[in-house]
């Protein structure tokens, strides 16, 4: 994982819910490499690159709509993980379920509510 990459893993909810979560991160990180698309998948992933070149923008408060709870794991530099957590907290009701830190990266699990 490069220093400016953020990886997001999503489970629960639908493909539409996964896309809503990814889109909520776009103001802060730019477009994901690929939007979740497989309607049969139970876990979706999205990767964002080059987060350093973007402004510190975040999604508008209450911008997201989910049909069911979604568990999101964000992994990247501590700064990217914090920025993603803040963006998601503005878009959805969020429950922080824990953080694990490595040498140069961090992983945080969040539960997003509809």
PDB file of N, CA and C in Angstrom:
ATOM      1  N   UNK A   1       0.840  -1.175   0.000  1.00  0.00           N
ATOM      2  CA  UNK A   1       0.000   0.000   0.000  1.00  0.00           C
ATOM      3  C   UNK A   1       0.881   1.231   0.000  1.00  0.00           C
ATOM      4  N   UNK A   2       0.660   2.141  -0.930  1.00  0.00           N
ATOM      5  CA  UNK A   2       1.456   3.363  -0.986  1.00  0.00           C
ATOM      6  C   UNK A   2       1.033   4.299   0.135  1.00  0.00           C
ATOM      7  N   UNK A   3       1.807   5.345   0.370  1.00  0.00           N
ATOM      8  CA  UNK A   3       1.518   6.284   1.437  1.00  0.00           C
ATOM      9  C   UNK A   3       0.264   7.089   1.219  1.00  0.00           C
ATOM     10  N   UNK A   4      -0.257   7.129   0.011  1.00  0.00           N
ATOM     11  CA  UNK A   4      -1.437   7.941  -0.258  1.00  0.00           C
ATOM     12  C   UNK A   4      -2.636   7.112  -0.670  1.00  0.00           C
ATOM     13  N   UNK A   5      -2.609   5.832  -0.414  1.00  0.00           N
ATOM     14  CA  UNK A   5      -3.707   4.960  -0.817  1.00  0.00           C
ATOM     15  C   UNK A   5      -4.618   4.669   0.370  1.00  0.00           C
ATOM     16  N   UNK A   6      -5.923   4.656   0.094  1.00  0.00           N
ATOM     17  CA  UNK A   6      -6.916   4.271   1.088  1.00  0.00           C
ATOM     18  C   UNK A   6      -7.699   3.112   0.514  1.00  0.00           C
ATOM     19  N   UNK A   7      -7.811   2.031   1.277  1.00  0.00           N
ATOM     20  CA  UNK A   7      -8.597   0.880   0.860  1.00  0.00           C
ATOM     21  C   UNK A   7      -9.808   0.785   1.773  1.00  0.00           C
ATOM     22  N   UNK A   8     -10.976   0.577   1.166  1.00  0.00           N
ATOM     23  CA  UNK A   8     -12.237   0.505   1.894  1.00  0.00           C
ATOM     24  C   UNK A   8     -12.874  -0.847   1.593  1.00  0.00           C
ATOM     25  N   UNK A   9     -13.246  -1.581   2.631  1.00  0.00           N
ATOM     26  CA  UNK A   9     -13.939  -2.857   2.491  1.00  0.00           C
ATOM     27  C   UNK A   9     -15.309  -2.691   3.133  1.00  0.00           C
ATOM     28  N   UNK A  10     -16.356  -3.105   2.407  1.00  0.00           N
ATOM     29  CA  UNK A  10     -17.726  -2.912   2.870  1.00  0.00           C
ATOM     30  C   UNK A  10     -18.477  -4.231   2.876  1.00  0.00           C
ATOM     31  N   UNK A  11     -19.225  -4.489   3.949  1.00  0.00           N
ATOM     32  CA  UNK A  11     -20.069  -5.678   3.995  1.00  0.00           C
ATOM     33  C   UNK A  11     -21.393  -5.301   4.649  1.00  0.00           C
ATOM     34  N   UNK A  12     -22.427  -6.071   4.329  1.00  0.00           N
ATOM     35  CA  UNK A  12     -23.765  -5.727   4.774  1.00  0.00           C
ATOM     36  C   UNK A  12     -24.376  -4.760   3.771  1.00  0.00           C
ATOM     37  N   UNK A  13     -25.668  -4.666   3.768  1.00  0.00           N
ATOM     38  CA  UNK A  13     -26.322  -3.768   2.827  1.00  0.00           C
ATOM     39  C   UNK A  13     -26.229  -4.297   1.404  1.00  0.00           C
ATOM     40  N   UNK A  14     -26.576  -3.461   0.468  1.00  0.00           N
ATOM     41  CA  UNK A  14     -26.617  -3.829  -0.945  1.00  0.00           C
ATOM     42  C   UNK A  14     -25.471  -3.192  -1.715  1.00  0.00           C
ATOM     43  N   UNK A  15     -25.386  -3.522  -2.983  1.00  0.00           N
ATOM     44  CA  UNK A  15     -24.409  -2.874  -3.857  1.00  0.00           C
ATOM     45  C   UNK A  15     -24.680  -1.376  -3.920  1.00  0.00           C
ATOM     46  N   UNK A  16     -25.951  -0.994  -3.931  1.00  0.00           N
ATOM     47  CA  UNK A  16     -26.312   0.430  -3.936  1.00  0.00           C
ATOM     48  C   UNK A  16     -25.814   1.109  -2.665  1.00  0.00           C
ATOM     49  N   UNK A  17     -25.928   0.431  -1.523  1.00  0.00           N
ATOM     50  CA  UNK A  17     -25.409   0.977  -0.266  1.00  0.00           C
ATOM     51  C   UNK A  17     -23.888   1.148  -0.343  1.00  0.00           C
ATOM     52  N   UNK A  18     -23.198   0.146  -0.895  1.00  0.00           N
ATOM     53  CA  UNK A  18     -21.743   0.226  -1.029  1.00  0.00           C
ATOM     54  C   UNK A  18     -21.353   1.412  -1.902  1.00  0.00           C
ATOM     55  N   UNK A  19     -22.084   1.617  -2.994  1.00  0.00           N
ATOM     56  CA  UNK A  19     -21.802   2.772  -3.864  1.00  0.00           C
ATOM     57  C   UNK A  19     -22.031   4.084  -3.121  1.00  0.00           C
ATOM     58  N   UNK A  20     -23.078   4.159  -2.300  1.00  0.00           N
ATOM     59  CA  UNK A  20     -23.357   5.378  -1.537  1.00  0.00           C
ATOM     60  C   UNK A  20     -22.209   5.696  -0.581  1.00  0.00           C
ATOM     61  N   UNK A  21     -21.656   4.663   0.040  1.00  0.00           N
ATOM     62  CA  UNK A  21     -20.525   4.872   0.950  1.00  0.00           C
ATOM     63  C   UNK A  21     -19.310   5.366   0.178  1.00  0.00           C
ATOM     64  N   UNK A  22     -19.008   4.740  -0.946  1.00  0.00           N
ATOM     65  CA  UNK A  22     -17.862   5.159  -1.763  1.00  0.00           C
ATOM     66  C   UNK A  22     -18.054   6.599  -2.228  1.00  0.00           C
ATOM     67  N   UNK A  23     -19.245   6.933  -2.676  1.00  0.00           N
ATOM     68  CA  UNK A  23     -19.507   8.307  -3.143  1.00  0.00           C
ATOM     69  C   UNK A  23     -19.385   9.326  -2.019  1.00  0.00           C
ATOM     70  N   UNK A  24     -19.700   8.930  -0.787  1.00  0.00           N
ATOM     71  CA  UNK A  24     -19.552   9.834   0.353  1.00  0.00           C
ATOM     72  C   UNK A  24     -18.084  10.162   0.621  1.00  0.00           C
ATOM     73  N   UNK A  25     -17.176   9.287   0.190  1.00  0.00           N
ATOM     74  CA  UNK A  25     -15.739   9.530   0.372  1.00  0.00           C
ATOM     75  C   UNK A  25     -15.122  10.345  -0.761  1.00  0.00           C
ATOM     76  N   UNK A  26     -15.792  10.438  -1.892  1.00  0.00           N
ATOM     77  CA  UNK A  26     -15.214  11.108  -3.066  1.00  0.00           C
ATOM     78  C   UNK A  26     -14.871  12.581  -2.859  1.00  0.00           C
ATOM     79  N   UNK A  27     -15.674  13.378  -2.116  1.00  0.00           N
ATOM     80  CA  UNK A  27     -15.247  14.772  -1.911  1.00  0.00           C
ATOM     81  C   UNK A  27     -13.903  14.892  -1.192  1.00  0.00           C
ATOM     82  N   UNK A  28     -13.583  13.922  -0.348  1.00  0.00           N
ATOM     83  CA  UNK A  28     -12.332  13.953   0.403  1.00  0.00           C
ATOM     84  C   UNK A  28     -11.184  13.270  -0.322  1.00  0.00           C
ATOM     85  N   UNK A  29     -11.491  12.281  -1.185  1.00  0.00           N
ATOM     86  CA  UNK A  29     -10.440  11.455  -1.774  1.00  0.00           C
ATOM     87  C   UNK A  29     -10.441  11.404  -3.293  1.00  0.00           C
ATOM     88  N   UNK A  30     -11.422  11.997  -3.952  1.00  0.00           N
ATOM     89  CA  UNK A  30     -11.529  11.863  -5.402  1.00  0.00           C
ATOM     90  C   UNK A  30     -12.222  10.552  -5.737  1.00  0.00           C
ATOM     91  N   UNK A  31     -12.322  10.272  -7.008  1.00  0.00           N
ATOM     92  CA  UNK A  31     -13.030   9.069  -7.453  1.00  0.00           C
ATOM     93  C   UNK A  31     -12.263   7.812  -7.091  1.00  0.00           C
ATOM     94  N   UNK A  32     -13.006   6.781  -6.698  1.00  0.00           N
ATOM     95  CA  UNK A  32     -12.402   5.474  -6.447  1.00  0.00           C
ATOM     96  C   UNK A  32     -11.953   4.880  -7.769  1.00  0.00           C
ATOM     97  N   UNK A  33     -11.008   3.947  -7.697  1.00  0.00           N
ATOM     98  CA  UNK A  33     -10.544   3.292  -8.918  1.00  0.00           C
ATOM     99  C   UNK A  33     -11.699   2.612  -9.631  1.00  0.00           C
ATOM    100  N   UNK A  34     -12.656   2.079  -8.861  1.00  0.00           N
ATOM    101  CA  UNK A  34     -13.805   1.392  -9.438  1.00  0.00           C
ATOM    102  C   UNK A  34     -14.927   1.388  -8.408  1.00  0.00           C
ATOM    103  N   UNK A  35     -16.164   1.639  -8.861  1.00  0.00           N
ATOM    104  CA  UNK A  35     -17.311   1.578  -7.959  1.00  0.00           C
ATOM    105  C   UNK A  35     -17.752   0.123  -7.765  1.00  0.00           C
ATOM    106  N   UNK A  36     -18.272  -0.210  -6.591  1.00  0.00           N
ATOM    107  CA  UNK A  36     -18.834  -1.554  -6.400  1.00  0.00           C
ATOM    108  C   UNK A  36     -19.917  -1.812  -7.450  1.00  0.00           C
ATOM    109  N   UNK A  37     -19.884  -2.987  -8.078  1.00  0.00           N
ATOM    110  CA  UNK A  37     -20.817  -3.254  -9.174  1.00  0.00           C
ATOM    111  C   UNK A  37     -21.463  -4.631  -9.126  1.00  0.00           C
ATOM    112  N   UNK A  38     -20.863  -5.584  -8.447  1.00  0.00           N
ATOM    113  CA  UNK A  38     -21.368  -6.961  -8.476  1.00  0.00           C
ATOM    114  C   UNK A  38     -22.522  -7.115  -7.488  1.00  0.00           C
ATOM    115  N   UNK A  39     -23.736  -7.258  -8.010  1.00  0.00           N
ATOM    116  CA  UNK A  39     -24.919  -7.384  -7.157  1.00  0.00           C
ATOM    117  C   UNK A  39     -24.933  -8.679  -6.348  1.00  0.00           C
ATOM    118  N   UNK A  40     -24.127  -9.667  -6.725  1.00  0.00           N
ATOM    119  CA  UNK A  40     -24.075 -10.940  -6.008  1.00  0.00           C
ATOM    120  C   UNK A  40     -23.001 -10.971  -4.919  1.00  0.00           C
ATOM    121  N   UNK A  41     -22.163  -9.945  -4.853  1.00  0.00           N
ATOM    122  CA  UNK A  41     -21.077  -9.915  -3.871  1.00  0.00           C
ATOM    123  C   UNK A  41     -21.616  -9.641  -2.472  1.00  0.00           C
ATOM    124  N   UNK A  42     -21.001 -10.235  -1.476  1.00  0.00           N
ATOM    125  CA  UNK A  42     -21.352  -9.953  -0.085  1.00  0.00           C
ATOM    126  C   UNK A  42     -20.349  -8.989   0.546  1.00  0.00           C
ATOM    127  N   UNK A  43     -19.184  -8.847  -0.074  1.00  0.00           N
ATOM    128  CA  UNK A  43     -18.164  -7.899   0.372  1.00  0.00           C
ATOM    129  C   UNK A  43     -17.724  -7.094  -0.843  1.00  0.00           C
ATOM    130  N   UNK A  44     -17.656  -5.777  -0.675  1.00  0.00           N
ATOM    131  CA  UNK A  44     -17.216  -4.889  -1.748  1.00  0.00           C
ATOM    132  C   UNK A  44     -15.944  -4.187  -1.300  1.00  0.00           C
ATOM    133  N   UNK A  45     -15.088  -3.861  -2.249  1.00  0.00           N
ATOM    134  CA  UNK A  45     -13.892  -3.088  -1.934  1.00  0.00           C
ATOM    135  C   UNK A  45     -13.789  -1.906  -2.890  1.00  0.00           C
ATOM    136  N   UNK A  46     -13.131  -0.872  -2.416  1.00  0.00           N
ATOM    137  CA  UNK A  46     -12.836   0.294  -3.245  1.00  0.00           C
ATOM    138  C   UNK A  46     -11.481   0.819  -2.808  1.00  0.00           C
ATOM    139  N   UNK A  47     -10.734   1.330  -3.762  1.00  0.00           N
ATOM    140  CA  UNK A  47      -9.415   1.883  -3.480  1.00  0.00           C
ATOM    141  C   UNK A  47      -9.354   3.300  -4.020  1.00  0.00           C
ATOM    142  N   UNK A  48      -8.816   4.177  -3.200  1.00  0.00           N
ATOM    143  CA  UNK A  48      -8.613   5.573  -3.581  1.00  0.00           C
ATOM    144  C   UNK A  48      -7.111   5.824  -3.607  1.00  0.00           C
ATOM    145  N   UNK A  49      -6.621   6.504  -4.647  1.00  0.00           N
ATOM    146  CA  UNK A  49      -5.201   6.850  -4.773  1.00  0.00           C
ATOM    147  C   UNK A  49      -4.998   8.351  -4.651  1.00  0.00           C
ATOM    148  N   UNK A  50      -3.750   8.741  -4.425  1.00  0.00           N
ATOM    149  CA  UNK A  50      -3.333  10.138  -4.491  1.00  0.00           C
ATOM    150  C   UNK A  50      -4.204  11.070  -3.672  1.00  0.00           C
ATOM    151  N   UNK A  51      -4.426  10.738  -2.431  1.00  0.00           N
ATOM    152  CA  UNK A  51      -5.265  11.567  -1.575  1.00  0.00           C
ATOM    153  C   UNK A  51      -4.593  12.873  -1.173  1.00  0.00           C
ATOM    154  N   UNK A  52      -3.287  12.982  -1.348  1.00  0.00           N
ATOM    155  CA  UNK A  52      -2.573  14.185  -0.923  1.00  0.00           C
ATOM    156  C   UNK A  52      -2.886  15.408  -1.778  1.00  0.00           C
ATOM    157  N   UNK A  53      -3.297  15.215  -3.033  1.00  0.00           N
ATOM    158  CA  UNK A  53      -3.501  16.325  -3.954  1.00  0.00           C
ATOM    159  C   UNK A  53      -4.871  16.983  -3.811  1.00  0.00           C
ATOM    160  N   UNK A  54      -5.754  16.424  -3.003  1.00  0.00           N
ATOM    161  CA  UNK A  54      -7.116  16.921  -2.916  1.00  0.00           C
ATOM    162  C   UNK A  54      -7.299  17.809  -1.705  1.00  0.00           C
ATOM    163  N   UNK A  55      -8.271  18.730  -1.778  1.00  0.00           N
ATOM    164  CA  UNK A  55      -8.567  19.558  -0.611  1.00  0.00           C
ATOM    165  C   UNK A  55      -9.132  18.696   0.513  1.00  0.00           C
ATOM    166  N   UNK A  56      -9.204  19.258   1.678  1.00  0.00           N
ATOM    167  CA  UNK A  56      -9.671  18.523   2.852  1.00  0.00           C
ATOM    168  C   UNK A  56     -11.189  18.457   2.920  1.00  0.00           C
ATOM    169  N   UNK A  57     -11.869  18.498   1.790  1.00  0.00           N
ATOM    170  CA  UNK A  57     -13.328  18.484   1.750  1.00  0.00           C
ATOM    171  C   UNK A  57     -13.894  17.180   2.256  1.00  0.00           C
ATOM    172  N   UNK A  58     -15.111  17.249   2.743  1.00  0.00           N
ATOM    173  CA  UNK A  58     -15.825  16.064   3.191  1.00  0.00           C
ATOM    174  C   UNK A  58     -17.249  16.130   2.679  1.00  0.00           C
ATOM    175  N   UNK A  59     -17.928  15.039   2.753  1.00  0.00           N
ATOM    176  CA  UNK A  59     -19.304  14.971   2.280  1.00  0.00           C
ATOM    177  C   UNK A  59     -20.193  15.882   3.115  1.00  0.00           C
ATOM    178  N   UNK A  60     -21.302  16.289   2.535  1.00  0.00           N
ATOM    179  CA  UNK A  60     -22.267  17.103   3.264  1.00  0.00           C
ATOM    180  C   UNK A  60     -22.944  16.263   4.333  1.00  0.00           C
ATOM    181  N   UNK A  61     -23.288  16.903   5.423  1.00  0.00           N
ATOM    182  CA  UNK A  61     -23.957  16.210   6.508  1.00  0.00           C
ATOM    183  C   UNK A  61     -25.246  15.571   6.026  1.00  0.00           C
ATOM    184  N   UNK A  62     -25.435  14.292   6.394  1.00  0.00           N
ATOM    185  CA  UNK A  62     -26.660  13.594   6.036  1.00  0.00           C
ATOM    186  C   UNK A  62     -26.797  13.282   4.562  1.00  0.00           C
ATOM    187  N   UNK A  63     -25.707  13.292   3.811  1.00  0.00           N
ATOM    188  CA  UNK A  63     -25.784  13.111   2.360  1.00  0.00           C
ATOM    189  C   UNK A  63     -26.085  11.676   1.948  1.00  0.00           C
ATOM    190  N   UNK A  64     -25.864  10.715   2.832  1.00  0.00           N
ATOM    191  CA  UNK A  64     -26.011   9.318   2.438  1.00  0.00           C
ATOM    192  C   UNK A  64     -27.332   8.702   2.831  1.00  0.00           C
ATOM    193  N   UNK A  65     -27.771   7.742   2.033  1.00  0.00           N
ATOM    194  CA  UNK A  65     -28.963   6.952   2.320  1.00  0.00           C
ATOM    195  C   UNK A  65     -28.584   5.479   2.221  1.00  0.00           C
ATOM    196  N   UNK A  66     -28.807   4.732   3.281  1.00  0.00           N
ATOM    197  CA  UNK A  66     -28.525   3.294   3.277  1.00  0.00           C
ATOM    198  C   UNK A  66     -29.814   2.534   3.533  1.00  0.00           C
ATOM    199  N   UNK A  67     -29.919   1.352   2.934  1.00  0.00           N
ATOM    200  CA  UNK A  67     -31.098   0.518   3.149  1.00  0.00           C
ATOM    201  C   UNK A  67     -30.917  -0.424   4.338  1.00  0.00           C
ATOM    202  N   UNK A  68     -29.670  -0.614   4.774  1.00  0.00           N
ATOM    203  CA  UNK A  68     -29.359  -1.527   5.869  1.00  0.00           C
ATOM    204  C   UNK A  68     -28.015  -1.106   6.480  1.00  0.00           C
ATOM    205  N   UNK A  69     -27.715  -1.572   7.691  1.00  0.00           N
ATOM    206  CA  UNK A  69     -26.399  -1.273   8.266  1.00  0.00           C
ATOM    207  C   UNK A  69     -25.276  -1.814   7.380  1.00  0.00           C
ATOM    208  N   UNK A  70     -24.183  -1.068   7.304  1.00  0.00           N
ATOM    209  CA  UNK A  70     -23.018  -1.449   6.504  1.00  0.00           C
ATOM    210  C   UNK A  70     -21.786  -1.380   7.398  1.00  0.00           C
ATOM    211  N   UNK A  71     -21.013  -2.462   7.422  1.00  0.00           N
ATOM    212  CA  UNK A  71     -19.741  -2.466   8.135  1.00  0.00           C
ATOM    213  C   UNK A  71     -18.661  -2.047   7.155  1.00  0.00           C
ATOM    214  N   UNK A  72     -17.894  -1.029   7.547  1.00  0.00           N
ATOM    215  CA  UNK A  72     -16.853  -0.475   6.684  1.00  0.00           C
ATOM    216  C   UNK A  72     -15.518  -0.590   7.402  1.00  0.00           C
ATOM    217  N   UNK A  73     -14.525  -1.124   6.710  1.00  0.00           N
ATOM    218  CA  UNK A  73     -13.162  -1.126   7.213  1.00  0.00           C
ATOM    219  C   UNK A  73     -12.349  -0.221   6.311  1.00  0.00           C
ATOM    220  N   UNK A  74     -11.714   0.794   6.890  1.00  0.00           N
ATOM    221  CA  UNK A  74     -10.853   1.700   6.127  1.00  0.00           C
ATOM    222  C   UNK A  74      -9.416   1.437   6.542  1.00  0.00           C
ATOM    223  N   UNK A  75      -8.522   1.375   5.556  1.00  0.00           N
ATOM    224  CA  UNK A  75      -7.125   1.066   5.828  1.00  0.00           C
ATOM    225  C   UNK A  75      -6.256   2.004   5.013  1.00  0.00           C
ATOM    226  N   UNK A  76      -5.272   2.598   5.676  1.00  0.00           N
ATOM    227  CA  UNK A  76      -4.339   3.507   5.004  1.00  0.00           C
ATOM    228  C   UNK A  76      -3.478   4.200   6.034  1.00  0.00           C
ATOM    229  N   UNK A  77      -2.926   5.325   5.659  1.00  0.00           N
ATOM    230  CA  UNK A  77      -2.145   6.093   6.624  1.00  0.00           C
ATOM    231  C   UNK A  77      -3.086   6.576   7.725  1.00  0.00           C
ATOM    232  N   UNK A  78      -2.555   6.858   8.909  1.00  0.00           N
ATOM    233  CA  UNK A  78      -3.429   7.372   9.969  1.00  0.00           C
ATOM    234  C   UNK A  78      -4.213   8.614   9.539  1.00  0.00           C
ATOM    235  N   UNK A  79      -3.584   9.498   8.755  1.00  0.00           N
ATOM    236  CA  UNK A  79      -4.259  10.704   8.291  1.00  0.00           C
ATOM    237  C   UNK A  79      -5.407  10.368   7.341  1.00  0.00           C
ATOM    238  N   UNK A  80      -5.185   9.428   6.425  1.00  0.00           N
ATOM    239  CA  UNK A  80      -6.229   9.037   5.474  1.00  0.00           C
ATOM    240  C   UNK A  80      -7.381   8.349   6.188  1.00  0.00           C
ATOM    241  N   UNK A  81      -7.078   7.507   7.162  1.00  0.00           N
ATOM    242  CA  UNK A  81      -8.119   6.802   7.909  1.00  0.00           C
ATOM    243  C   UNK A  81      -8.953   7.808   8.704  1.00  0.00           C
ATOM    244  N   UNK A  82      -8.320   8.768   9.313  1.00  0.00           N
ATOM    245  CA  UNK A  82      -9.045   9.791  10.079  1.00  0.00           C
ATOM    246  C   UNK A  82      -9.926  10.635   9.153  1.00  0.00           C
ATOM    247  N   UNK A  83      -9.376  11.014   8.004  1.00  0.00           N
ATOM    248  CA  UNK A  83     -10.126  11.803   7.019  1.00  0.00           C
ATOM    249  C   UNK A  83     -11.343  11.020   6.517  1.00  0.00           C
ATOM    250  N   UNK A  84     -11.176   9.734   6.253  1.00  0.00           N
ATOM    251  CA  UNK A  84     -12.288   8.891   5.799  1.00  0.00           C
ATOM    252  C   UNK A  84     -13.330   8.747   6.900  1.00  0.00           C
ATOM    253  N   UNK A  85     -12.895   8.546   8.115  1.00  0.00           N
ATOM    254  CA  UNK A  85     -13.828   8.407   9.236  1.00  0.00           C
ATOM    255  C   UNK A  85     -14.649   9.676   9.415  1.00  0.00           C
ATOM    256  N   UNK A  86     -13.993  10.829   9.312  1.00  0.00           N
ATOM    257  CA  UNK A  86     -14.691  12.111   9.437  1.00  0.00           C
ATOM    258  C   UNK A  86     -15.710  12.301   8.315  1.00  0.00           C
ATOM    259  N   UNK A  87     -15.313  11.959   7.085  1.00  0.00           N
ATOM    260  CA  UNK A  87     -16.219  12.105   5.942  1.00  0.00           C
ATOM    261  C   UNK A  87     -17.439  11.209   6.107  1.00  0.00           C
ATOM    262  N   UNK A  88     -17.227   9.979   6.537  1.00  0.00           N
ATOM    263  CA  UNK A  88     -18.350   9.055   6.710  1.00  0.00           C
ATOM    264  C   UNK A  88     -19.247   9.474   7.865  1.00  0.00           C
ATOM    265  N   UNK A  89     -18.675  10.048   8.924  1.00  0.00           N
ATOM    266  CA  UNK A  89     -19.469  10.497  10.068  1.00  0.00           C
ATOM    267  C   UNK A  89     -20.382  11.662   9.701  1.00  0.00           C
ATOM    268  N   UNK A  90     -20.005  12.436   8.720  1.00  0.00           N
ATOM    269  CA  UNK A  90     -20.863  13.526   8.270  1.00  0.00           C
ATOM    270  C   UNK A  90     -21.973  13.039   7.353  1.00  0.00           C
ATOM    271  N   UNK A  91     -21.751  11.922   6.687  1.00  0.00           N
ATOM    272  CA  UNK A  91     -22.722  11.421   5.717  1.00  0.00           C
ATOM    273  C   UNK A  91     -23.711  10.420   6.313  1.00  0.00           C
ATOM    274  N   UNK A  92     -23.295   9.700   7.360  1.00  0.00           N
ATOM    275  CA  UNK A  92     -24.113   8.620   7.922  1.00  0.00           C
ATOM    276  C   UNK A  92     -23.981   8.610   9.442  1.00  0.00           C
ATOM    277  N   UNK A  93     -24.962   8.040  10.139  1.00  0.00           N
ATOM    278  CA  UNK A  93     -24.749   7.752  11.565  1.00  0.00           C
ATOM    279  C   UNK A  93     -23.679   6.654  11.678  1.00  0.00           C
ATOM    280  N   UNK A  94     -22.623   6.900  12.452  1.00  0.00           N
ATOM    281  CA  UNK A  94     -21.461   6.005  12.510  1.00  0.00           C
ATOM    282  C   UNK A  94     -21.207   5.555  13.940  1.00  0.00           C
ATOM    283  N   UNK A  95     -20.885   4.271  14.078  1.00  0.00           N
ATOM    284  CA  UNK A  95     -20.417   3.719  15.347  1.00  0.00           C
ATOM    285  C   UNK A  95     -19.008   3.180  15.110  1.00  0.00           C
ATOM    286  N   UNK A  96     -18.023   3.747  15.812  1.00  0.00           N
ATOM    287  CA  UNK A  96     -16.641   3.296  15.692  1.00  0.00           C
ATOM    288  C   UNK A  96     -16.508   1.962  16.431  1.00  0.00           C
ATOM    289  N   UNK A  97     -16.068   0.927  15.713  1.00  0.00           N
ATOM    290  CA  UNK A  97     -15.955  -0.396  16.316  1.00  0.00           C
ATOM    291  C   UNK A  97     -14.517  -0.802  16.604  1.00  0.00           C
ATOM    292  N   UNK A  98     -13.581   0.123  16.454  1.00  0.00           N
ATOM    293  CA  UNK A  98     -12.213  -0.185  16.842  1.00  0.00           C
ATOM    294  C   UNK A  98     -11.191   0.155  15.785  1.00  0.00           C
ATOM    295  N   UNK A  99      -9.960   0.327  16.251  1.00  0.00           N
ATOM    296  CA  UNK A  99      -8.839   0.702  15.409  1.00  0.00           C
ATOM    297  C   UNK A  99      -7.651  -0.180  15.731  1.00  0.00           C
ATOM    298  N   UNK A 100      -6.925  -0.558  14.689  1.00  0.00           N
ATOM    299  CA  UNK A 100      -5.664  -1.279  14.852  1.00  0.00           C
ATOM    300  C   UNK A 100      -4.600  -0.503  14.097  1.00  0.00           C
ATOM    301  N   UNK A 101      -3.468  -0.280  14.736  1.00  0.00           N
ATOM    302  CA  UNK A 101      -2.386   0.474  14.115  1.00  0.00           C
ATOM    303  C   UNK A 101      -1.193  -0.423  13.848  1.00  0.00           C
ATOM    304  N   UNK A 102      -0.610  -0.237  12.677  1.00  0.00           N
ATOM    305  CA  UNK A 102       0.624  -0.923  12.320  1.00  0.00           C
ATOM    306  C   UNK A 102       1.764   0.064  12.348  1.00  0.00           C
ATOM    307  N   UNK A 103       2.854  -0.291  11.706  1.00  0.00           N
ATOM    308  CA  UNK A 103       4.036   0.556  11.685  1.00  0.00           C
ATOM    309  C   UNK A 103       3.760   1.892  10.999  1.00  0.00           C
ATOM    310  N   UNK A 104       3.168   1.854   9.801  1.00  0.00           N
ATOM    311  CA  UNK A 104       2.926   3.089   9.057  1.00  0.00           C
ATOM    312  C   UNK A 104       1.504   3.197   8.536  1.00  0.00           C
ATOM    313  N   UNK A 105       0.638   2.269   8.942  1.00  0.00           N
ATOM    314  CA  UNK A 105      -0.737   2.341   8.491  1.00  0.00           C
ATOM    315  C   UNK A 105      -1.676   2.021   9.632  1.00  0.00           C
ATOM    316  N   UNK A 106      -2.936   2.309   9.389  1.00  0.00           N
ATOM    317  CA  UNK A 106      -3.951   2.112  10.410  1.00  0.00           C
ATOM    318  C   UNK A 106      -5.169   1.481   9.757  1.00  0.00           C
ATOM    319  N   UNK A 107      -5.924   0.741  10.547  1.00  0.00           N
ATOM    320  CA  UNK A 107      -7.170   0.146  10.074  1.00  0.00           C
ATOM    321  C   UNK A 107      -8.244   0.475  11.097  1.00  0.00           C
ATOM    322  N   UNK A 108      -9.397   0.925  10.608  1.00  0.00           N
ATOM    323  CA  UNK A 108     -10.508   1.256  11.512  1.00  0.00           C
ATOM    324  C   UNK A 108     -11.767   0.611  10.965  1.00  0.00           C
ATOM    325  N   UNK A 109     -12.561   0.031  11.872  1.00  0.00           N
ATOM    326  CA  UNK A 109     -13.838  -0.554  11.473  1.00  0.00           C
ATOM    327  C   UNK A 109     -14.967   0.326  11.999  1.00  0.00           C
ATOM    328  N   UNK A 110     -15.902   0.629  11.096  1.00  0.00           N
ATOM    329  CA  UNK A 110     -17.040   1.481  11.412  1.00  0.00           C
ATOM    330  C   UNK A 110     -18.332   0.762  11.041  1.00  0.00           C
ATOM    331  N   UNK A 111     -19.371   0.991  11.807  1.00  0.00           N
ATOM    332  CA  UNK A 111     -20.700   0.502  11.463  1.00  0.00           C
ATOM    333  C   UNK A 111     -21.533   1.707  11.077  1.00  0.00           C
ATOM    334  N   UNK A 112     -21.995   1.741   9.834  1.00  0.00           N
ATOM    335  CA  UNK A 112     -22.829   2.832   9.340  1.00  0.00           C
ATOM    336  C   UNK A 112     -24.289   2.390   9.423  1.00  0.00           C
ATOM    337  N   UNK A 113     -25.127   3.242   9.978  1.00  0.00           N
ATOM    338  CA  UNK A 113     -26.542   2.932  10.141  1.00  0.00           C
ATOM    339  C   UNK A 113     -27.371   3.635   9.065  1.00  0.00           C
ATOM    340  N   UNK A 114     -28.520   3.053   8.710  1.00  0.00           N
ATOM    341  CA  UNK A 114     -29.406   3.703   7.724  1.00  0.00           C
ATOM    342  C   UNK A 114     -30.030   4.968   8.300  1.00  0.00           C
TER     343      UNK A 114
END
